[in-house]
Structure formats: C-alpha cells, structure tokens
Amino acid sequence: MLNNVYIYILVMALVTYLIRALPLTLIRTEINNHFIRSFLYYVPYATLAAMTIPACLYSTSSRISAAVGFIIALILAIKKQSLIIVAGGACAAVFIVELFV
C-alpha cells in the first residue's frame, strides 16, 4: 500500500508537469486565432468562479445565510466596491442572518 502512494504522487507530479510544460514547448508562435485567444482570456475567470461559488454556498451552516452573503457580495462587486468592502459586507450579512436563523 505504501508503495502505491508513491506511484500515485509520481504520476500526479508527472501529469501536472506535462500540462504546464507541453504548451510552452509545442506552441512557440503567437496565437492569432480570435476564438482561441478569447477562450484563453476567459479561462482564469471561469476557473475562479467554478472554485469560489460552491465554496461560498457551502461554507456556512445554513444555505439561507450563504445565499444572502453571496447576493450582498455580488451587489457590492457590481457597484465596484473594493475587495475589503465586498468581503466585509458579505461576512457581516452572513453573521447577521446566522444570528436570526
């Protein structure tokens, strides 16, 4: 069993390295395709949203407080508030809702 863990770690490290190293070695010219450039532009935003939104909705003891905090954070972000204001507003909203739920 112990040897299997090392094999798993080695395979995971190899796959992670190949995913990062292959594009650097295979694609040496600038990408001119408009579709691929726009796709690559939005990948970090989509990845961040896919990781953050479920964490926001499942991080509290009730779904109601999580939804209220998420909505408050979304409203503050749309109004172009700073990150500290958005995070603080969401935390305060969750705290207030958790007091009453």
N, C-alpha and C. Protein backbone atom coordinates (compact mmCIF):
# COMPACT_ATOMS: atom_id res chain seq x y z
N MET A 1 0.83 -1.20 0.00
CA MET A 1 0.00 0.00 0.00
C MET A 1 0.87 1.25 0.00
N LEU A 2 1.94 1.23 0.77
CA LEU A 2 2.80 2.40 0.86
C LEU A 2 3.48 2.70 -0.47
N ASN A 3 3.86 1.66 -1.19
CA ASN A 3 4.47 1.87 -2.50
C ASN A 3 3.48 2.47 -3.49
N ASN A 4 2.22 2.13 -3.37
CA ASN A 4 1.21 2.68 -4.26
C ASN A 4 1.07 4.18 -4.09
N VAL A 5 1.21 4.66 -2.88
CA VAL A 5 1.10 6.10 -2.62
C VAL A 5 2.19 6.85 -3.37
N TYR A 6 3.38 6.33 -3.36
CA TYR A 6 4.48 6.98 -4.07
C TYR A 6 4.26 6.96 -5.58
N ILE A 7 3.69 5.89 -6.07
CA ILE A 7 3.38 5.82 -7.51
C ILE A 7 2.32 6.85 -7.86
N TYR A 8 1.30 6.97 -7.02
CA TYR A 8 0.25 7.96 -7.26
C TYR A 8 0.81 9.38 -7.27
N ILE A 9 1.69 9.67 -6.31
CA ILE A 9 2.29 11.00 -6.24
C ILE A 9 3.17 11.26 -7.46
N LEU A 10 3.91 10.26 -7.89
CA LEU A 10 4.77 10.41 -9.06
C LEU A 10 3.95 10.65 -10.33
N VAL A 11 2.87 9.91 -10.50
CA VAL A 11 2.01 10.09 -11.68
C VAL A 11 1.36 11.47 -11.65
N MET A 12 0.89 11.88 -10.47
CA MET A 12 0.26 13.19 -10.35
C MET A 12 1.26 14.31 -10.67
N ALA A 13 2.48 14.19 -10.18
CA ALA A 13 3.50 15.20 -10.46
C ALA A 13 3.85 15.22 -11.95
N LEU A 14 3.94 14.06 -12.57
CA LEU A 14 4.25 13.98 -13.99
C LEU A 14 3.16 14.60 -14.84
N VAL A 15 1.91 14.30 -14.52
CA VAL A 15 0.79 14.86 -15.29
C VAL A 15 0.74 16.37 -15.11
N THR A 16 0.93 16.84 -13.88
CA THR A 16 0.92 18.29 -13.63
C THR A 16 2.04 18.98 -14.39
N TYR A 17 3.22 18.38 -14.39
CA TYR A 17 4.35 18.97 -15.11
C TYR A 17 4.09 18.98 -16.62
N LEU A 18 3.55 17.89 -17.16
CA LEU A 18 3.31 17.83 -18.60
C LEU A 18 2.26 18.85 -19.04
N ILE A 19 1.23 19.04 -18.22
CA ILE A 19 0.20 20.01 -18.58
C ILE A 19 0.80 21.42 -18.66
N ARG A 20 1.78 21.71 -17.84
CA ARG A 20 2.38 23.05 -17.86
C ARG A 20 3.53 23.17 -18.85
N ALA A 21 4.25 22.10 -19.07
CA ALA A 21 5.45 22.19 -19.92
C ALA A 21 5.15 21.99 -21.40
N LEU A 22 4.19 21.16 -21.74
CA LEU A 22 3.91 20.89 -23.15
C LEU A 22 3.49 22.13 -23.94
N PRO A 23 2.58 22.96 -23.43
CA PRO A 23 2.24 24.15 -24.21
C PRO A 23 3.43 25.09 -24.42
N LEU A 24 4.31 25.17 -23.45
CA LEU A 24 5.48 26.03 -23.60
C LEU A 24 6.44 25.51 -24.67
N THR A 25 6.54 24.20 -24.80
CA THR A 25 7.48 23.65 -25.77
C THR A 25 6.87 23.46 -27.15
N LEU A 26 5.56 23.20 -27.23
CA LEU A 26 4.95 22.92 -28.52
C LEU A 26 4.45 24.17 -29.24
N ILE A 27 4.00 25.17 -28.49
CA ILE A 27 3.46 26.38 -29.11
C ILE A 27 4.49 27.50 -28.92
N ARG A 28 5.23 27.78 -29.95
CA ARG A 28 6.27 28.80 -29.85
C ARG A 28 5.89 30.11 -30.55
N THR A 29 4.86 30.07 -31.38
CA THR A 29 4.45 31.28 -32.08
C THR A 29 3.25 31.90 -31.37
N GLU A 30 2.98 33.14 -31.71
CA GLU A 30 1.84 33.82 -31.12
C GLU A 30 0.55 33.23 -31.69
N ILE A 31 -0.45 33.09 -30.83
CA ILE A 31 -1.75 32.55 -31.26
C ILE A 31 -2.55 33.67 -31.90
N ASN A 32 -2.90 33.50 -33.17
CA ASN A 32 -3.62 34.53 -33.91
C ASN A 32 -5.11 34.24 -34.06
N ASN A 33 -5.52 33.02 -33.76
CA ASN A 33 -6.93 32.66 -33.88
C ASN A 33 -7.75 33.42 -32.84
N HIS A 34 -8.75 34.17 -33.30
CA HIS A 34 -9.56 35.01 -32.42
C HIS A 34 -10.34 34.18 -31.40
N PHE A 35 -10.89 33.04 -31.84
CA PHE A 35 -11.67 32.19 -30.94
C PHE A 35 -10.81 31.63 -29.82
N ILE A 36 -9.63 31.11 -30.16
CA ILE A 36 -8.75 30.53 -29.14
C ILE A 36 -8.25 31.61 -28.19
N ARG A 37 -7.92 32.78 -28.71
CA ARG A 37 -7.46 33.87 -27.83
C ARG A 37 -8.55 34.30 -26.85
N SER A 38 -9.79 34.41 -27.33
CA SER A 38 -10.87 34.80 -26.44
C SER A 38 -11.19 33.69 -25.44
N PHE A 39 -11.08 32.42 -25.88
CA PHE A 39 -11.27 31.30 -24.97
C PHE A 39 -10.22 31.31 -23.87
N LEU A 40 -8.97 31.48 -24.22
CA LEU A 40 -7.90 31.51 -23.23
C LEU A 40 -7.99 32.73 -22.32
N TYR A 41 -8.57 33.81 -22.81
CA TYR A 41 -8.72 35.00 -21.99
C TYR A 41 -9.69 34.75 -20.82
N TYR A 42 -10.76 33.99 -21.07
CA TYR A 42 -11.79 33.78 -20.05
C TYR A 42 -11.56 32.55 -19.18
N VAL A 43 -10.59 31.73 -19.46
CA VAL A 43 -10.35 30.53 -18.66
C VAL A 43 -10.06 30.85 -17.19
N PRO A 44 -9.20 31.81 -16.86
CA PRO A 44 -8.97 32.07 -15.43
C PRO A 44 -10.23 32.53 -14.70
N TYR A 45 -11.06 33.34 -15.34
CA TYR A 45 -12.29 33.81 -14.69
C TYR A 45 -13.26 32.66 -14.47
N ALA A 46 -13.40 31.80 -15.43
CA ALA A 46 -14.31 30.65 -15.30
C ALA A 46 -13.82 29.69 -14.23
N THR A 47 -12.51 29.47 -14.18
CA THR A 47 -11.95 28.58 -13.17
C THR A 47 -12.14 29.16 -11.78
N LEU A 48 -11.89 30.44 -11.63
CA LEU A 48 -12.07 31.09 -10.33
C LEU A 48 -13.52 31.03 -9.89
N ALA A 49 -14.45 31.26 -10.80
CA ALA A 49 -15.87 31.18 -10.46
C ALA A 49 -16.27 29.76 -10.09
N ALA A 50 -15.75 28.78 -10.81
CA ALA A 50 -16.09 27.39 -10.54
C ALA A 50 -15.57 26.94 -9.18
N MET A 51 -14.48 27.51 -8.72
CA MET A 51 -13.95 27.15 -7.41
C MET A 51 -14.56 27.98 -6.28
N THR A 52 -14.90 29.23 -6.54
CA THR A 52 -15.32 30.13 -5.48
C THR A 52 -16.80 30.01 -5.15
N ILE A 53 -17.65 29.93 -6.15
CA ILE A 53 -19.10 29.95 -5.90
C ILE A 53 -19.56 28.75 -5.07
N PRO A 54 -19.15 27.52 -5.36
CA PRO A 54 -19.57 26.43 -4.47
C PRO A 54 -19.03 26.59 -3.04
N ALA A 55 -17.83 27.11 -2.91
CA ALA A 55 -17.27 27.33 -1.57
C ALA A 55 -18.09 28.37 -0.81
N CYS A 56 -18.57 29.39 -1.50
CA CYS A 56 -19.41 30.41 -0.86
C CYS A 56 -20.73 29.82 -0.40
N LEU A 57 -21.30 28.97 -1.20
CA LEU A 57 -22.64 28.46 -0.89
C LEU A 57 -22.64 27.33 0.14
N TYR A 58 -21.52 26.66 0.35
CA TYR A 58 -21.47 25.55 1.30
C TYR A 58 -20.60 25.84 2.52
N SER A 59 -20.18 27.08 2.73
CA SER A 59 -19.26 27.38 3.83
C SER A 59 -19.95 27.75 5.14
N THR A 60 -21.25 27.97 5.12
CA THR A 60 -21.96 28.35 6.33
C THR A 60 -22.84 27.19 6.80
N SER A 61 -23.46 27.38 7.96
CA SER A 61 -24.28 26.31 8.50
C SER A 61 -25.66 26.24 7.85
N SER A 62 -26.10 27.31 7.20
CA SER A 62 -27.39 27.26 6.51
C SER A 62 -27.24 27.85 5.11
N ARG A 63 -28.04 27.33 4.22
CA ARG A 63 -27.98 27.80 2.84
C ARG A 63 -28.54 29.22 2.70
N ILE A 64 -29.45 29.59 3.60
CA ILE A 64 -30.06 30.92 3.53
C ILE A 64 -29.01 31.99 3.79
N SER A 65 -28.21 31.80 4.83
CA SER A 65 -27.18 32.80 5.13
C SER A 65 -26.12 32.84 4.04
N ALA A 66 -25.81 31.69 3.46
CA ALA A 66 -24.83 31.65 2.36
C ALA A 66 -25.36 32.40 1.15
N ALA A 67 -26.63 32.21 0.84
CA ALA A 67 -27.23 32.90 -0.31
C ALA A 67 -27.28 34.41 -0.07
N VAL A 68 -27.63 34.82 1.14
CA VAL A 68 -27.68 36.26 1.46
C VAL A 68 -26.28 36.87 1.35
N GLY A 69 -25.28 36.21 1.90
CA GLY A 69 -23.91 36.71 1.81
C GLY A 69 -23.42 36.78 0.37
N PHE A 70 -23.77 35.78 -0.43
CA PHE A 70 -23.38 35.78 -1.84
C PHE A 70 -24.05 36.92 -2.59
N ILE A 71 -25.33 37.13 -2.33
CA ILE A 71 -26.06 38.21 -3.01
C ILE A 71 -25.51 39.57 -2.62
N ILE A 72 -25.22 39.76 -1.34
CA ILE A 72 -24.64 41.03 -0.89
C ILE A 72 -23.27 41.25 -1.53
N ALA A 73 -22.45 40.21 -1.58
CA ALA A 73 -21.13 40.33 -2.22
C ALA A 73 -21.27 40.64 -3.70
N LEU A 74 -22.23 40.03 -4.36
CA LEU A 74 -22.46 40.27 -5.78
C LEU A 74 -22.90 41.72 -6.03
N ILE A 75 -23.81 42.21 -5.20
CA ILE A 75 -24.29 43.59 -5.35
C ILE A 75 -23.15 44.58 -5.12
N LEU A 76 -22.36 44.35 -4.07
CA LEU A 76 -21.24 45.27 -3.79
C LEU A 76 -20.18 45.21 -4.89
N ALA A 77 -19.96 44.03 -5.44
CA ALA A 77 -18.97 43.91 -6.52
C ALA A 77 -19.46 44.59 -7.79
N ILE A 78 -20.76 44.48 -8.07
CA ILE A 78 -21.31 45.15 -9.25
C ILE A 78 -21.22 46.66 -9.10
N LYS A 79 -21.34 47.15 -7.86
CA LYS A 79 -21.21 48.58 -7.60
C LYS A 79 -19.76 49.04 -7.54
N LYS A 80 -18.83 48.13 -7.86
CA LYS A 80 -17.39 48.41 -7.96
C LYS A 80 -16.77 48.86 -6.64
N GLN A 81 -17.18 48.21 -5.56
CA GLN A 81 -16.57 48.46 -4.26
C GLN A 81 -15.24 47.71 -4.17
N SER A 82 -14.42 48.07 -3.21
CA SER A 82 -13.13 47.40 -3.06
C SER A 82 -13.33 45.99 -2.50
N LEU A 83 -12.28 45.19 -2.60
CA LEU A 83 -12.36 43.81 -2.15
C LEU A 83 -12.62 43.73 -0.65
N ILE A 84 -12.05 44.64 0.11
CA ILE A 84 -12.27 44.66 1.57
C ILE A 84 -13.74 44.94 1.88
N ILE A 85 -14.34 45.87 1.17
CA ILE A 85 -15.75 46.20 1.39
C ILE A 85 -16.64 45.02 1.01
N VAL A 86 -16.35 44.38 -0.11
CA VAL A 86 -17.15 43.24 -0.57
C VAL A 86 -17.06 42.09 0.44
N ALA A 87 -15.85 41.74 0.84
CA ALA A 87 -15.67 40.64 1.79
C ALA A 87 -16.28 40.97 3.15
N GLY A 88 -16.05 42.19 3.60
CA GLY A 88 -16.62 42.59 4.90
C GLY A 88 -18.13 42.64 4.87
N GLY A 89 -18.72 43.15 3.80
CA GLY A 89 -20.17 43.19 3.68
C GLY A 89 -20.78 41.80 3.64
N ALA A 90 -20.14 40.90 2.91
CA ALA A 90 -20.65 39.52 2.84
C ALA A 90 -20.54 38.84 4.19
N CYS A 91 -19.42 39.03 4.87
CA CYS A 91 -19.25 38.42 6.20
C CYS A 91 -20.26 38.99 7.19
N ALA A 92 -20.47 40.28 7.16
CA ALA A 92 -21.44 40.91 8.07
C ALA A 92 -22.86 40.42 7.77
N ALA A 93 -23.20 40.29 6.50
CA ALA A 93 -24.54 39.79 6.15
C ALA A 93 -24.73 38.36 6.63
N VAL A 94 -23.72 37.51 6.44
CA VAL A 94 -23.82 36.14 6.91
C VAL A 94 -23.94 36.10 8.43
N PHE A 95 -23.17 36.92 9.12
CA PHE A 95 -23.20 36.94 10.57
C PHE A 95 -24.57 37.36 11.09
N ILE A 96 -25.15 38.40 10.48
CA ILE A 96 -26.46 38.88 10.91
C ILE A 96 -27.54 37.84 10.64
N VAL A 97 -27.50 37.21 9.48
CA VAL A 97 -28.51 36.20 9.17
C VAL A 97 -28.35 34.99 10.08
N GLU A 98 -27.11 34.60 10.38
CA GLU A 98 -26.88 33.45 11.27
C GLU A 98 -27.38 33.72 12.68
N LEU A 99 -27.41 34.97 13.11
CA LEU A 99 -27.94 35.30 14.44
C LEU A 99 -29.43 35.01 14.54
N PHE A 100 -30.15 35.18 13.43
CA PHE A 100 -31.60 35.04 13.47
C PHE A 100 -32.12 33.72 12.93
N VAL A 101 -31.28 32.97 12.25
CA VAL A 101 -31.74 31.69 11.66
C VAL A 101 -31.39 30.55 12.58
